[in-house]
PDB file of N, CA and C in Angstrom:
ATOM      1  N   UNK A   1     113.264 -44.805 -88.067  1.00  0.00           N
ATOM      2  CA  UNK A   1     113.727 -44.086 -89.231  1.00  0.00           C
ATOM      3  C   UNK A   1     114.311 -42.724 -88.833  1.00  0.00           C
ATOM      4  N   UNK A   2     113.731 -42.099 -87.806  1.00  0.00           N
ATOM      5  CA  UNK A   2     114.241 -40.803 -87.368  1.00  0.00           C
ATOM      6  C   UNK A   2     115.709 -40.897 -86.985  1.00  0.00           C
ATOM      7  N   UNK A   3     116.071 -41.949 -86.286  1.00  0.00           N
ATOM      8  CA  UNK A   3     117.457 -42.101 -85.859  1.00  0.00           C
ATOM      9  C   UNK A   3     118.389 -42.181 -87.057  1.00  0.00           C
ATOM     10  N   UNK A   4     117.952 -42.895 -88.094  1.00  0.00           N
ATOM     11  CA  UNK A   4     118.769 -43.039 -89.295  1.00  0.00           C
ATOM     12  C   UNK A   4     118.920 -41.695 -90.012  1.00  0.00           C
ATOM     13  N   UNK A   5     117.857 -40.910 -90.059  1.00  0.00           N
ATOM     14  CA  UNK A   5     117.913 -39.599 -90.690  1.00  0.00           C
ATOM     15  C   UNK A   5     118.874 -38.685 -89.930  1.00  0.00           C
ATOM     16  N   UNK A   6     118.793 -38.685 -88.618  1.00  0.00           N
ATOM     17  CA  UNK A   6     119.670 -37.844 -87.802  1.00  0.00           C
ATOM     18  C   UNK A   6     121.126 -38.268 -87.974  1.00  0.00           C
ATOM     19  N   UNK A   7     121.365 -39.571 -87.978  1.00  0.00           N
ATOM     20  CA  UNK A   7     122.720 -40.084 -88.191  1.00  0.00           C
ATOM     21  C   UNK A   7     123.245 -39.647 -89.563  1.00  0.00           C
ATOM     22  N   UNK A   8     122.384 -39.676 -90.576  1.00  0.00           N
ATOM     23  CA  UNK A   8     122.754 -39.252 -91.920  1.00  0.00           C
ATOM     24  C   UNK A   8     123.274 -37.813 -91.912  1.00  0.00           C
ATOM     25  N   UNK A   9     122.596 -36.933 -91.202  1.00  0.00           N
ATOM     26  CA  UNK A   9     123.031 -35.537 -91.130  1.00  0.00           C
ATOM     27  C   UNK A   9     124.304 -35.380 -90.320  1.00  0.00           C
ATOM     28  N   UNK A  10     124.440 -36.114 -89.251  1.00  0.00           N
ATOM     29  CA  UNK A  10     125.640 -35.998 -88.427  1.00  0.00           C
ATOM     30  C   UNK A  10     126.868 -36.501 -89.173  1.00  0.00           C
ATOM     31  N   UNK A  11     126.688 -37.452 -90.082  1.00  0.00           N
ATOM     32  CA  UNK A  11     127.806 -37.971 -90.876  1.00  0.00           C
ATOM     33  C   UNK A  11     128.134 -37.058 -92.054  1.00  0.00           C
ATOM     34  N   UNK A  12     127.250 -36.113 -92.355  1.00  0.00           N
ATOM     35  CA  UNK A  12     127.430 -35.209 -93.492  1.00  0.00           C
ATOM     36  C   UNK A  12     127.228 -33.752 -93.057  1.00  0.00           C
ATOM     37  N   UNK A  13     128.153 -33.233 -92.284  1.00  0.00           N
ATOM     38  CA  UNK A  13     127.982 -31.872 -91.763  1.00  0.00           C
ATOM     39  C   UNK A  13     127.924 -30.795 -92.852  1.00  0.00           C
ATOM     40  N   UNK A  14     128.369 -31.108 -94.057  1.00  0.00           N
ATOM     41  CA  UNK A  14     128.321 -30.118 -95.138  1.00  0.00           C
ATOM     42  C   UNK A  14     126.906 -29.932 -95.684  1.00  0.00           C
ATOM     43  N   UNK A  15     126.008 -30.881 -95.410  1.00  0.00           N
ATOM     44  CA  UNK A  15     124.626 -30.734 -95.864  1.00  0.00           C
ATOM     45  C   UNK A  15     123.940 -29.634 -95.062  1.00  0.00           C
ATOM     46  N   UNK A  16     123.218 -28.788 -95.747  1.00  0.00           N
ATOM     47  CA  UNK A  16     122.495 -27.708 -95.089  1.00  0.00           C
ATOM     48  C   UNK A  16     121.129 -28.202 -94.622  1.00  0.00           C
ATOM     49  N   UNK A  17     120.974 -28.282 -93.318  1.00  0.00           N
ATOM     50  CA  UNK A  17     119.700 -28.714 -92.746  1.00  0.00           C
ATOM     51  C   UNK A  17     118.587 -27.757 -93.172  1.00  0.00           C
ATOM     52  N   UNK A  18     118.874 -26.470 -93.169  1.00  0.00           N
ATOM     53  CA  UNK A  18     117.858 -25.488 -93.557  1.00  0.00           C
ATOM     54  C   UNK A  18     117.435 -25.668 -95.006  1.00  0.00           C
ATOM     55  N   UNK A  19     118.387 -25.949 -95.890  1.00  0.00           N
ATOM     56  CA  UNK A  19     118.051 -26.143 -97.298  1.00  0.00           C
ATOM     57  C   UNK A  19     117.210 -27.400 -97.483  1.00  0.00           C
ATOM     58  N   UNK A  20     117.548 -28.467 -96.773  1.00  0.00           N
ATOM     59  CA  UNK A  20     116.780 -29.710 -96.870  1.00  0.00           C
ATOM     60  C   UNK A  20     115.360 -29.482 -96.363  1.00  0.00           C
ATOM     61  N   UNK A  21     115.217 -28.734 -95.268  1.00  0.00           N
ATOM     62  CA  UNK A  21     113.875 -28.392 -94.763  1.00  0.00           C
ATOM     63  C   UNK A  21     113.059 -27.703 -95.851  1.00  0.00           C
ATOM     64  N   UNK A  22     113.671 -26.734 -96.528  1.00  0.00           N
ATOM     65  CA  UNK A  22     112.970 -26.007 -97.582  1.00  0.00           C
ATOM     66  C   UNK A  22     112.593 -26.917 -98.738  1.00  0.00           C
ATOM     67  N   UNK A  23     113.546 -27.745 -99.181  1.00  0.00           N
ATOM     68  CA  UNK A  23     113.285 -28.658-100.295  1.00  0.00           C
ATOM     69  C   UNK A  23     112.153 -29.625 -99.972  1.00  0.00           C
ATOM     70  N   UNK A  24     112.099 -30.070 -98.717  1.00  0.00           N
ATOM     71  CA  UNK A  24     111.081 -31.043 -98.303  1.00  0.00           C
ATOM     72  C   UNK A  24     109.756 -30.377 -97.936  1.00  0.00           C
ATOM     73  N   UNK A  25     109.749 -29.051 -97.850  1.00  0.00           N
ATOM     74  CA  UNK A  25     108.518 -28.356 -97.476  1.00  0.00           C
ATOM     75  C   UNK A  25     108.179 -28.472 -96.001  1.00  0.00           C
ATOM     76  N   UNK A  26     109.202 -28.630 -95.173  1.00  0.00           N
ATOM     77  CA  UNK A  26     108.979 -28.723 -93.722  1.00  0.00           C
ATOM     78  C   UNK A  26     108.934 -27.322 -93.113  1.00  0.00           C
ATOM     79  N   UNK A  27     108.207 -27.175 -92.014  1.00  0.00           N
ATOM     80  CA  UNK A  27     108.222 -25.888 -91.315  1.00  0.00           C
ATOM     81  C   UNK A  27     109.648 -25.550 -90.863  1.00  0.00           C
ATOM     82  N   UNK A  28     109.986 -24.266 -90.862  1.00  0.00           N
ATOM     83  CA  UNK A  28     111.335 -23.863 -90.427  1.00  0.00           C
ATOM     84  C   UNK A  28     111.682 -24.430 -89.054  1.00  0.00           C
ATOM     85  N   UNK A  29     112.890 -24.840 -88.898  1.00  0.00           N
ATOM     86  CA  UNK A  29     113.519 -25.390 -87.679  1.00  0.00           C
ATOM     87  C   UNK A  29     113.057 -26.801 -87.295  1.00  0.00           C
ATOM     88  N   UNK A  30     112.115 -27.382 -88.023  1.00  0.00           N
ATOM     89  CA  UNK A  30     111.650 -28.736 -87.674  1.00  0.00           C
ATOM     90  C   UNK A  30     112.801 -29.733 -87.696  1.00  0.00           C
ATOM     91  N   UNK A  31     113.513 -29.766 -88.800  1.00  0.00           N
ATOM     92  CA  UNK A  31     114.601 -30.728 -88.946  1.00  0.00           C
ATOM     93  C   UNK A  31     115.789 -30.358 -88.072  1.00  0.00           C
ATOM     94  N   UNK A  32     116.112 -29.088 -88.005  1.00  0.00           N
ATOM     95  CA  UNK A  32     117.260 -28.694 -87.191  1.00  0.00           C
ATOM     96  C   UNK A  32     117.039 -29.029 -85.720  1.00  0.00           C
ATOM     97  N   UNK A  33     115.828 -28.852 -85.234  1.00  0.00           N
ATOM     98  CA  UNK A  33     115.528 -29.224 -83.846  1.00  0.00           C
ATOM     99  C   UNK A  33     115.599 -30.741 -83.660  1.00  0.00           C
ATOM    100  N   UNK A  34     115.166 -31.494 -84.644  1.00  0.00           N
ATOM    101  CA  UNK A  34     115.241 -32.957 -84.550  1.00  0.00           C
ATOM    102  C   UNK A  34     116.693 -33.416 -84.514  1.00  0.00           C
ATOM    103  N   UNK A  35     117.538 -32.819 -85.336  1.00  0.00           N
ATOM    104  CA  UNK A  35     118.954 -33.181 -85.365  1.00  0.00           C
ATOM    105  C   UNK A  35     119.610 -32.861 -84.019  1.00  0.00           C
ATOM    106  N   UNK A  36     119.179 -31.792 -83.375  1.00  0.00           N
ATOM    107  CA  UNK A  36     119.727 -31.421 -82.052  1.00  0.00           C
ATOM    108  C   UNK A  36     119.080 -32.203 -80.911  1.00  0.00           C
ATOM    109  N   UNK A  37     118.074 -33.019 -81.213  1.00  0.00           N
ATOM    110  CA  UNK A  37     117.417 -33.814 -80.173  1.00  0.00           C
ATOM    111  C   UNK A  37     116.347 -33.063 -79.413  1.00  0.00           C
ATOM    112  N   UNK A  38     115.879 -31.945 -79.961  1.00  0.00           N
ATOM    113  CA  UNK A  38     114.891 -31.117 -79.272  1.00  0.00           C
ATOM    114  C   UNK A  38     113.450 -31.445 -79.660  1.00  0.00           C
ATOM    115  N   UNK A  39     113.268 -32.251 -80.685  1.00  0.00           N
ATOM    116  CA  UNK A  39     111.912 -32.649 -81.086  1.00  0.00           C
ATOM    117  C   UNK A  39     111.987 -33.935 -81.888  1.00  0.00           C
ATOM    118  N   UNK A  40     110.842 -34.554 -82.081  1.00  0.00           N
ATOM    119  CA  UNK A  40     110.749 -35.750 -82.898  1.00  0.00           C
ATOM    120  C   UNK A  40     110.137 -35.409 -84.243  1.00  0.00           C
ATOM    121  N   UNK A  41     110.522 -36.173 -85.250  1.00  0.00           N
ATOM    122  CA  UNK A  41     109.903 -36.041 -86.565  1.00  0.00           C
ATOM    123  C   UNK A  41     108.696 -36.967 -86.608  1.00  0.00           C
ATOM    124  N   UNK A  42     107.574 -36.471 -87.108  1.00  0.00           N
ATOM    125  CA  UNK A  42     106.424 -37.356 -87.239  1.00  0.00           C
ATOM    126  C   UNK A  42     106.479 -38.057 -88.601  1.00  0.00           C
ATOM    127  N   UNK A  43     105.572 -38.968 -88.833  1.00  0.00           N
ATOM    128  CA  UNK A  43     105.592 -39.762 -90.068  1.00  0.00           C
ATOM    129  C   UNK A  43     105.456 -38.893 -91.306  1.00  0.00           C
ATOM    130  N   UNK A  44     104.658 -37.849 -91.248  1.00  0.00           N
ATOM    131  CA  UNK A  44     104.500 -36.952 -92.399  1.00  0.00           C
ATOM    132  C   UNK A  44     105.820 -36.252 -92.723  1.00  0.00           C
ATOM    133  N   UNK A  45     106.544 -35.828 -91.705  1.00  0.00           N
ATOM    134  CA  UNK A  45     107.847 -35.189 -91.925  1.00  0.00           C
ATOM    135  C   UNK A  45     108.805 -36.179 -92.584  1.00  0.00           C
ATOM    136  N   UNK A  46     108.837 -37.382 -92.069  1.00  0.00           N
ATOM    137  CA  UNK A  46     109.747 -38.407 -92.590  1.00  0.00           C
ATOM    138  C   UNK A  46     109.428 -38.712 -94.046  1.00  0.00           C
ATOM    139  N   UNK A  47     108.146 -38.822 -94.372  1.00  0.00           N
ATOM    140  CA  UNK A  47     107.753 -39.121 -95.753  1.00  0.00           C
ATOM    141  C   UNK A  47     108.119 -37.991 -96.712  1.00  0.00           C
ATOM    142  N   UNK A  48     108.120 -36.770 -96.241  1.00  0.00           N
ATOM    143  CA  UNK A  48     108.550 -35.641 -97.073  1.00  0.00           C
ATOM    144  C   UNK A  48     110.071 -35.623 -97.233  1.00  0.00           C
ATOM    145  N   UNK A  49     110.784 -36.029 -96.206  1.00  0.00           N
ATOM    146  CA  UNK A  49     112.248 -35.988 -96.229  1.00  0.00           C
ATOM    147  C   UNK A  49     112.881 -37.078 -97.089  1.00  0.00           C
ATOM    148  N   UNK A  50     112.331 -38.267 -97.077  1.00  0.00           N
ATOM    149  CA  UNK A  50     112.975 -39.404 -97.732  1.00  0.00           C
ATOM    150  C   UNK A  50     113.300 -39.140 -99.202  1.00  0.00           C
ATOM    151  N   UNK A  51     112.359 -38.677-100.028  1.00  0.00           N
ATOM    152  CA  UNK A  51     112.724 -38.457-101.434  1.00  0.00           C
ATOM    153  C   UNK A  51     113.826 -37.409-101.623  1.00  0.00           C
ATOM    154  N   UNK A  52     113.846 -36.404-100.772  1.00  0.00           N
ATOM    155  CA  UNK A  52     114.876 -35.369-100.862  1.00  0.00           C
ATOM    156  C   UNK A  52     116.229 -35.939-100.426  1.00  0.00           C
ATOM    157  N   UNK A  53     116.239 -36.670 -99.329  1.00  0.00           N
ATOM    158  CA  UNK A  53     117.496 -37.224 -98.820  1.00  0.00           C
ATOM    159  C   UNK A  53     118.089 -38.249 -99.770  1.00  0.00           C
ATOM    160  N   UNK A  54     117.261 -38.961-100.502  1.00  0.00           N
ATOM    161  CA  UNK A  54     117.764 -39.942-101.477  1.00  0.00           C
ATOM    162  C   UNK A  54     118.637 -39.259-102.513  1.00  0.00           C
ATOM    163  N   UNK A  55     118.332 -38.019-102.859  1.00  0.00           N
ATOM    164  CA  UNK A  55     119.170 -37.286-103.819  1.00  0.00           C
ATOM    165  C   UNK A  55     120.577 -37.064-103.292  1.00  0.00           C
ATOM    166  N   UNK A  56     120.732 -37.112-101.982  1.00  0.00           N
ATOM    167  CA  UNK A  56     122.015 -36.873-101.338  1.00  0.00           C
ATOM    168  C   UNK A  56     122.664 -38.167-100.837  1.00  0.00           C
ATOM    169  N   UNK A  57     122.118 -39.308-101.258  1.00  0.00           N
ATOM    170  CA  UNK A  57     122.744 -40.583-100.929  1.00  0.00           C
ATOM    171  C   UNK A  57     122.104 -41.371 -99.805  1.00  0.00           C
ATOM    172  N   UNK A  58     120.975 -40.903 -99.288  1.00  0.00           N
ATOM    173  CA  UNK A  58     120.283 -41.631 -98.212  1.00  0.00           C
ATOM    174  C   UNK A  58     119.714 -42.926 -98.769  1.00  0.00           C
ATOM    175  N   UNK A  59     119.899 -44.008 -98.057  1.00  0.00           N
ATOM    176  CA  UNK A  59     119.399 -45.311 -98.479  1.00  0.00           C
ATOM    177  C   UNK A  59     118.357 -45.787 -97.475  1.00  0.00           C
ATOM    178  N   UNK A  60     117.167 -46.098 -97.991  1.00  0.00           N
ATOM    179  CA  UNK A  60     116.095 -46.632 -97.144  1.00  0.00           C
ATOM    180  C   UNK A  60     116.191 -48.146 -97.182  1.00  0.00           C
ATOM    181  N   UNK A  61     116.275 -48.739 -96.008  1.00  0.00           N
ATOM    182  CA  UNK A  61     116.368 -50.209 -95.926  1.00  0.00           C
ATOM    183  C   UNK A  61     115.061 -50.795 -95.490  1.00  0.00           C
TER     184      UNK A  61
END
């Protein structure tokens, strides 16, 4: 799922990673570091992100 989330952001450069982090309640830089390949998202991070990303067109398969 992490790969799909990262791909989602790379395909939508206009989305603010920092704003999504705030909306999802993630610690600062968690998502931005994951998008840059500097860290992994754990299951808790992913579960917080999914409902927020769905508002922006993310589809969970």
